[in-house]
PDB file of N, CA and C in Angstrom:
ATOM      1  N   UNK A   1      -7.710  13.398  11.583  1.00  0.00           N
ATOM      2  CA  UNK A   1      -6.363  12.420  11.881  1.00  0.00           C
ATOM      3  C   UNK A   1      -5.829  12.822  10.401  1.00  0.00           C
ATOM      4  N   UNK A   2      -4.326  13.010  10.119  1.00  0.00           N
ATOM      5  CA  UNK A   2      -3.606  12.717   8.937  1.00  0.00           C
ATOM      6  C   UNK A   2      -3.071  11.670   8.605  1.00  0.00           C
ATOM      7  N   UNK A   3      -3.295  10.893   7.680  1.00  0.00           N
ATOM      8  CA  UNK A   3      -2.582   9.486   7.262  1.00  0.00           C
ATOM      9  C   UNK A   3      -0.850   9.727   7.141  1.00  0.00           C
ATOM     10  N   UNK A   4      -0.141   8.873   7.582  1.00  0.00           N
ATOM     11  CA  UNK A   4       1.074   9.276   7.464  1.00  0.00           C
ATOM     12  C   UNK A   4       1.352   8.036   6.577  1.00  0.00           C
ATOM     13  N   UNK A   5       1.792   8.277   5.051  1.00  0.00           N
ATOM     14  CA  UNK A   5       2.033   7.248   4.473  1.00  0.00           C
ATOM     15  C   UNK A   5       3.320   7.006   4.587  1.00  0.00           C
ATOM     16  N   UNK A   6       3.554   5.527   4.044  1.00  0.00           N
ATOM     17  CA  UNK A   6       5.023   4.573   4.040  1.00  0.00           C
ATOM     18  C   UNK A   6       5.212   4.173   2.661  1.00  0.00           C
ATOM     19  N   UNK A   7       6.190   4.345   2.148  1.00  0.00           N
ATOM     20  CA  UNK A   7       6.549   4.059   0.816  1.00  0.00           C
ATOM     21  C   UNK A   7       6.871   2.402   1.008  1.00  0.00           C
ATOM     22  N   UNK A   8       6.867   1.712  -0.094  1.00  0.00           N
ATOM     23  CA  UNK A   8       7.275  -0.001   0.268  1.00  0.00           C
ATOM     24  C   UNK A   8       8.629   0.245   0.279  1.00  0.00           C
ATOM     25  N   UNK A   9       9.590  -0.736   0.944  1.00  0.00           N
ATOM     26  CA  UNK A   9      10.667  -0.994   0.971  1.00  0.00           C
ATOM     27  C   UNK A   9      11.245  -1.491  -0.498  1.00  0.00           C
ATOM     28  N   UNK A  10      10.081  -2.441  -1.048  1.00  0.00           N
ATOM     29  CA  UNK A  10      10.425  -2.804  -2.541  1.00  0.00           C
ATOM     30  C   UNK A  10      10.201  -1.827  -3.198  1.00  0.00           C
ATOM     31  N   UNK A  11      10.019  -0.828  -3.653  1.00  0.00           N
ATOM     32  CA  UNK A  11       9.830   0.218  -4.270  1.00  0.00           C
ATOM     33  C   UNK A  11      11.440   0.550  -4.886  1.00  0.00           C
ATOM     34  N   UNK A  12      11.600   0.931  -6.357  1.00  0.00           N
ATOM     35  CA  UNK A  12      12.872   1.026  -6.472  1.00  0.00           C
ATOM     36  C   UNK A  12      12.722   2.493  -6.990  1.00  0.00           C
ATOM     37  N   UNK A  13      13.670   2.731  -7.695  1.00  0.00           N
ATOM     38  CA  UNK A  13      14.160   4.585  -7.933  1.00  0.00           C
ATOM     39  C   UNK A  13      12.925   4.940  -9.057  1.00  0.00           C
ATOM     40  N   UNK A  14      13.514   6.039  -9.557  1.00  0.00           N
ATOM     41  CA  UNK A  14      12.596   6.865 -10.173  1.00  0.00           C
ATOM     42  C   UNK A  14      12.038   6.341 -11.615  1.00  0.00           C
ATOM     43  N   UNK A  15      12.499   5.278 -12.078  1.00  0.00           N
ATOM     44  CA  UNK A  15      12.110   4.424 -13.259  1.00  0.00           C
ATOM     45  C   UNK A  15      10.981   3.148 -12.602  1.00  0.00           C
ATOM     46  N   UNK A  16      11.081   3.057 -11.480  1.00  0.00           N
ATOM     47  CA  UNK A  16      10.097   1.979 -11.150  1.00  0.00           C
ATOM     48  C   UNK A  16       8.848   2.058 -11.355  1.00  0.00           C
ATOM     49  N   UNK A  17       7.957   1.233 -12.132  1.00  0.00           N
ATOM     50  CA  UNK A  17       6.492   1.614 -12.372  1.00  0.00           C
ATOM     51  C   UNK A  17       5.787   0.881 -11.264  1.00  0.00           C
ATOM     52  N   UNK A  18       6.192   0.153 -10.300  1.00  0.00           N
ATOM     53  CA  UNK A  18       5.913  -0.410  -9.126  1.00  0.00           C
ATOM     54  C   UNK A  18       5.747   0.490  -7.609  1.00  0.00           C
ATOM     55  N   UNK A  19       5.371   1.153  -7.527  1.00  0.00           N
ATOM     56  CA  UNK A  19       5.648   2.136  -6.571  1.00  0.00           C
ATOM     57  C   UNK A  19       4.026   2.460  -5.530  1.00  0.00           C
ATOM     58  N   UNK A  20       4.496   1.803  -4.321  1.00  0.00           N
ATOM     59  CA  UNK A  20       3.225   1.487  -3.509  1.00  0.00           C
ATOM     60  C   UNK A  20       3.558   2.352  -2.044  1.00  0.00           C
ATOM     61  N   UNK A  21       2.547   2.872  -2.008  1.00  0.00           N
ATOM     62  CA  UNK A  21       2.369   3.567  -0.284  1.00  0.00           C
ATOM     63  C   UNK A  21       1.340   2.633   0.495  1.00  0.00           C
ATOM     64  N   UNK A  22       1.647   2.695   1.633  1.00  0.00           N
ATOM     65  CA  UNK A  22       0.549   2.188   2.892  1.00  0.00           C
ATOM     66  C   UNK A  22       0.430   3.275   4.270  1.00  0.00           C
ATOM     67  N   UNK A  23      -0.642   3.249   4.417  1.00  0.00           N
ATOM     68  CA  UNK A  23      -1.245   4.587   5.741  1.00  0.00           C
ATOM     69  C   UNK A  23      -2.262   3.753   6.410  1.00  0.00           C
ATOM     70  N   UNK A  24      -1.803   3.939   7.549  1.00  0.00           N
ATOM     71  CA  UNK A  24      -3.109   3.346   8.918  1.00  0.00           C
ATOM     72  C   UNK A  24      -3.972   4.698   8.643  1.00  0.00           C
ATOM     73  N   UNK A  25      -5.348   4.287   8.415  1.00  0.00           N
ATOM     74  CA  UNK A  25      -6.246   5.122   7.998  1.00  0.00           C
ATOM     75  C   UNK A  25      -6.859   5.497   9.585  1.00  0.00           C
ATOM     76  N   UNK A  26      -7.800   6.116   9.910  1.00  0.00           N
ATOM     77  CA  UNK A  26      -8.434   6.589  10.912  1.00  0.00           C
ATOM     78  C   UNK A  26      -8.840   5.184  11.976  1.00  0.00           C
ATOM     79  N   UNK A  27      -8.542   5.395  13.076  1.00  0.00           N
ATOM     80  CA  UNK A  27      -9.017   4.012  13.876  1.00  0.00           C
ATOM     81  C   UNK A  27     -10.213   3.032  13.331  1.00  0.00           C
ATOM     82  N   UNK A  28     -10.313   2.311  13.213  1.00  0.00           N
ATOM     83  CA  UNK A  28     -11.074   1.055  12.984  1.00  0.00           C
ATOM     84  C   UNK A  28     -11.330   1.332  11.383  1.00  0.00           C
ATOM     85  N   UNK A  29     -10.640   2.150  10.670  1.00  0.00           N
ATOM     86  CA  UNK A  29     -11.026   2.154   9.278  1.00  0.00           C
ATOM     87  C   UNK A  29     -10.137   1.598   8.340  1.00  0.00           C
ATOM     88  N   UNK A  30      -9.180   0.728   8.705  1.00  0.00           N
ATOM     89  CA  UNK A  30      -8.167  -0.034   8.018  1.00  0.00           C
ATOM     90  C   UNK A  30      -7.019   0.996   7.419  1.00  0.00           C
ATOM     91  N   UNK A  31      -6.539   0.047   6.455  1.00  0.00           N
ATOM     92  CA  UNK A  31      -5.164   0.342   5.590  1.00  0.00           C
ATOM     93  C   UNK A  31      -5.421   1.016   4.247  1.00  0.00           C
ATOM     94  N   UNK A  32      -4.599   2.016   3.907  1.00  0.00           N
ATOM     95  CA  UNK A  32      -4.898   3.017   2.839  1.00  0.00           C
ATOM     96  C   UNK A  32      -4.044   2.169   1.866  1.00  0.00           C
ATOM     97  N   UNK A  33      -4.102   2.238   0.858  1.00  0.00           N
ATOM     98  CA  UNK A  33      -3.076   1.456  -0.295  1.00  0.00           C
ATOM     99  C   UNK A  33      -3.139   2.363  -1.614  1.00  0.00           C
ATOM    100  N   UNK A  34      -1.912   3.252  -2.075  1.00  0.00           N
ATOM    101  CA  UNK A  34      -2.133   4.338  -2.798  1.00  0.00           C
ATOM    102  C   UNK A  34      -0.605   4.116  -3.856  1.00  0.00           C
ATOM    103  N   UNK A  35      -0.948   4.512  -4.876  1.00  0.00           N
ATOM    104  CA  UNK A  35       0.288   4.745  -5.983  1.00  0.00           C
ATOM    105  C   UNK A  35       1.489   5.885  -5.420  1.00  0.00           C
ATOM    106  N   UNK A  36       2.404   5.494  -5.109  1.00  0.00           N
ATOM    107  CA  UNK A  36       3.201   6.531  -4.490  1.00  0.00           C
ATOM    108  C   UNK A  36       3.460   8.066  -5.829  1.00  0.00           C
ATOM    109  N   UNK A  37       3.493   7.440  -6.929  1.00  0.00           N
ATOM    110  CA  UNK A  37       3.925   8.355  -8.136  1.00  0.00           C
ATOM    111  C   UNK A  37       2.762   9.022  -8.444  1.00  0.00           C
ATOM    112  N   UNK A  38       1.503   8.719  -7.792  1.00  0.00           N
ATOM    113  CA  UNK A  38       0.098   9.718  -8.340  1.00  0.00           C
ATOM    114  C   UNK A  38      -0.396   9.627  -6.918  1.00  0.00           C
ATOM    115  N   UNK A  39      -0.220  10.473  -5.935  1.00  0.00           N
ATOM    116  CA  UNK A  39      -0.592  10.340  -4.329  1.00  0.00           C
ATOM    117  C   UNK A  39      -2.160  10.985  -4.584  1.00  0.00           C
ATOM    118  N   UNK A  40      -2.194  12.016  -5.194  1.00  0.00           N
ATOM    119  CA  UNK A  40      -3.588  12.902  -5.395  1.00  0.00           C
ATOM    120  C   UNK A  40      -4.459  11.906  -6.115  1.00  0.00           C
ATOM    121  N   UNK A  41      -4.292  10.561  -6.864  1.00  0.00           N
ATOM    122  CA  UNK A  41      -5.332   9.911  -7.279  1.00  0.00           C
ATOM    123  C   UNK A  41      -6.197   9.392  -6.452  1.00  0.00           C
ATOM    124  N   UNK A  42      -5.990   9.537  -4.935  1.00  0.00           N
ATOM    125  CA  UNK A  42      -6.733   8.750  -4.076  1.00  0.00           C
ATOM    126  C   UNK A  42      -5.802   7.304  -3.790  1.00  0.00           C
ATOM    127  N   UNK A  43      -6.718   6.609  -2.887  1.00  0.00           N
ATOM    128  CA  UNK A  43      -6.226   5.498  -2.577  1.00  0.00           C
ATOM    129  C   UNK A  43      -7.597   4.121  -2.235  1.00  0.00           C
ATOM    130  N   UNK A  44      -7.016   3.168  -2.053  1.00  0.00           N
ATOM    131  CA  UNK A  44      -8.124   2.244  -1.971  1.00  0.00           C
ATOM    132  C   UNK A  44      -8.164   1.762  -0.213  1.00  0.00           C
ATOM    133  N   UNK A  45      -9.094   1.455   0.233  1.00  0.00           N
ATOM    134  CA  UNK A  45      -9.314   1.317   1.537  1.00  0.00           C
ATOM    135  C   UNK A  45      -9.453  -0.504   1.887  1.00  0.00           C
ATOM    136  N   UNK A  46      -8.361  -0.740   2.529  1.00  0.00           N
ATOM    137  CA  UNK A  46      -9.019  -2.327   3.082  1.00  0.00           C
ATOM    138  C   UNK A  46      -8.730  -2.607   4.395  1.00  0.00           C
ATOM    139  N   UNK A  47      -9.625  -3.326   5.077  1.00  0.00           N
ATOM    140  CA  UNK A  47      -9.851  -3.874   6.470  1.00  0.00           C
ATOM    141  C   UNK A  47      -8.690  -4.264   6.742  1.00  0.00           C
ATOM    142  N   UNK A  48      -8.349  -4.503   8.154  1.00  0.00           N
ATOM    143  CA  UNK A  48      -6.939  -5.303   8.313  1.00  0.00           C
ATOM    144  C   UNK A  48      -6.931  -6.735   8.173  1.00  0.00           C
ATOM    145  N   UNK A  49      -8.235  -7.489   7.849  1.00  0.00           N
ATOM    146  CA  UNK A  49      -8.188  -8.740   7.368  1.00  0.00           C
ATOM    147  C   UNK A  49      -8.086  -8.921   5.942  1.00  0.00           C
ATOM    148  N   UNK A  50      -8.495  -7.696   5.026  1.00  0.00           N
ATOM    149  CA  UNK A  50      -8.507  -8.062   3.821  1.00  0.00           C
ATOM    150  C   UNK A  50      -6.953  -7.431   3.540  1.00  0.00           C
ATOM    151  N   UNK A  51      -6.291  -6.982   4.145  1.00  0.00           N
ATOM    152  CA  UNK A  51      -4.657  -6.592   3.917  1.00  0.00           C
ATOM    153  C   UNK A  51      -3.974  -7.665   4.151  1.00  0.00           C
ATOM    154  N   UNK A  52      -4.276  -8.361   5.293  1.00  0.00           N
ATOM    155  CA  UNK A  52      -3.522  -9.442   5.733  1.00  0.00           C
ATOM    156  C   UNK A  52      -3.905 -10.576   4.494  1.00  0.00           C
ATOM    157  N   UNK A  53      -4.874 -10.789   4.252  1.00  0.00           N
ATOM    158  CA  UNK A  53      -5.163 -11.717   2.780  1.00  0.00           C
ATOM    159  C   UNK A  53      -4.357 -11.440   1.800  1.00  0.00           C
ATOM    160  N   UNK A  54      -4.393  -9.813   1.590  1.00  0.00           N
ATOM    161  CA  UNK A  54      -3.532  -9.572   0.062  1.00  0.00           C
ATOM    162  C   UNK A  54      -1.931 -10.043   0.099  1.00  0.00           C
ATOM    163  N   UNK A  55      -1.577  -9.690   1.738  1.00  0.00           N
ATOM    164  CA  UNK A  55      -0.391  -9.872   1.949  1.00  0.00           C
ATOM    165  C   UNK A  55      -0.087 -11.352   1.722  1.00  0.00           C
ATOM    166  N   UNK A  56      -0.635 -12.181   1.869  1.00  0.00           N
ATOM    167  CA  UNK A  56      -0.579 -13.782   2.012  1.00  0.00           C
ATOM    168  C   UNK A  56      -0.755 -14.028   0.610  1.00  0.00           C
ATOM    169  N   UNK A  57      -1.628 -13.627  -0.095  1.00  0.00           N
ATOM    170  CA  UNK A  57      -1.535 -13.779  -1.522  1.00  0.00           C
ATOM    171  C   UNK A  57      -0.314 -13.221  -2.428  1.00  0.00           C
ATOM    172  N   UNK A  58       0.304 -12.337  -2.249  1.00  0.00           N
ATOM    173  CA  UNK A  58       1.522 -11.267  -2.943  1.00  0.00           C
ATOM    174  C   UNK A  58       2.699 -12.641  -2.312  1.00  0.00           C
ATOM    175  N   UNK A  59       2.407 -12.968  -1.170  1.00  0.00           N
ATOM    176  CA  UNK A  59       3.737 -14.158  -0.994  1.00  0.00           C
ATOM    177  C   UNK A  59       3.740 -15.187  -1.881  1.00  0.00           C
ATOM    178  N   UNK A  60       2.683 -15.372  -2.566  1.00  0.00           N
ATOM    179  CA  UNK A  60       2.303 -16.475  -3.348  1.00  0.00           C
ATOM    180  C   UNK A  60       3.431 -16.478  -4.741  1.00  0.00           C
ATOM    181  N   UNK A  61       3.258 -15.219  -4.952  1.00  0.00           N
ATOM    182  CA  UNK A  61       4.141 -14.922  -6.371  1.00  0.00           C
ATOM    183  C   UNK A  61       5.656 -15.417  -6.511  1.00  0.00           C
ATOM    184  N   UNK A  62       6.072 -15.615  -7.290  1.00  0.00           N
ATOM    185  CA  UNK A  62       7.480 -16.540  -7.275  1.00  0.00           C
ATOM    186  C   UNK A  62       8.289 -15.041  -7.353  1.00  0.00           C
ATOM    187  N   UNK A  63       9.500 -15.013  -6.984  1.00  0.00           N
ATOM    188  CA  UNK A  63      10.499 -13.753  -6.759  1.00  0.00           C
ATOM    189  C   UNK A  63      10.891 -13.480  -8.180  1.00  0.00           C
ATOM    190  N   UNK A  64      11.264 -12.454  -8.407  1.00  0.00           N
ATOM    191  CA  UNK A  64      11.831 -11.776  -9.659  1.00  0.00           C
ATOM    192  C   UNK A  64      13.326 -11.981  -9.688  1.00  0.00           C
TER     193      UNK A  64
END
């Protein structure tokens, strides 16, 4: 199964250093998270529960 990577809508232009892509991995394997500027470097794999927890933690950060 080929992973379809999706770039975050919060990622900016060419000078943005914070570019993230997400991809749903094989069924039951969770979510892949990678740097969109260096996709060949690999990704981290999070379970759906870990990913949901990460999103909740990110929401705790104040907006810039």
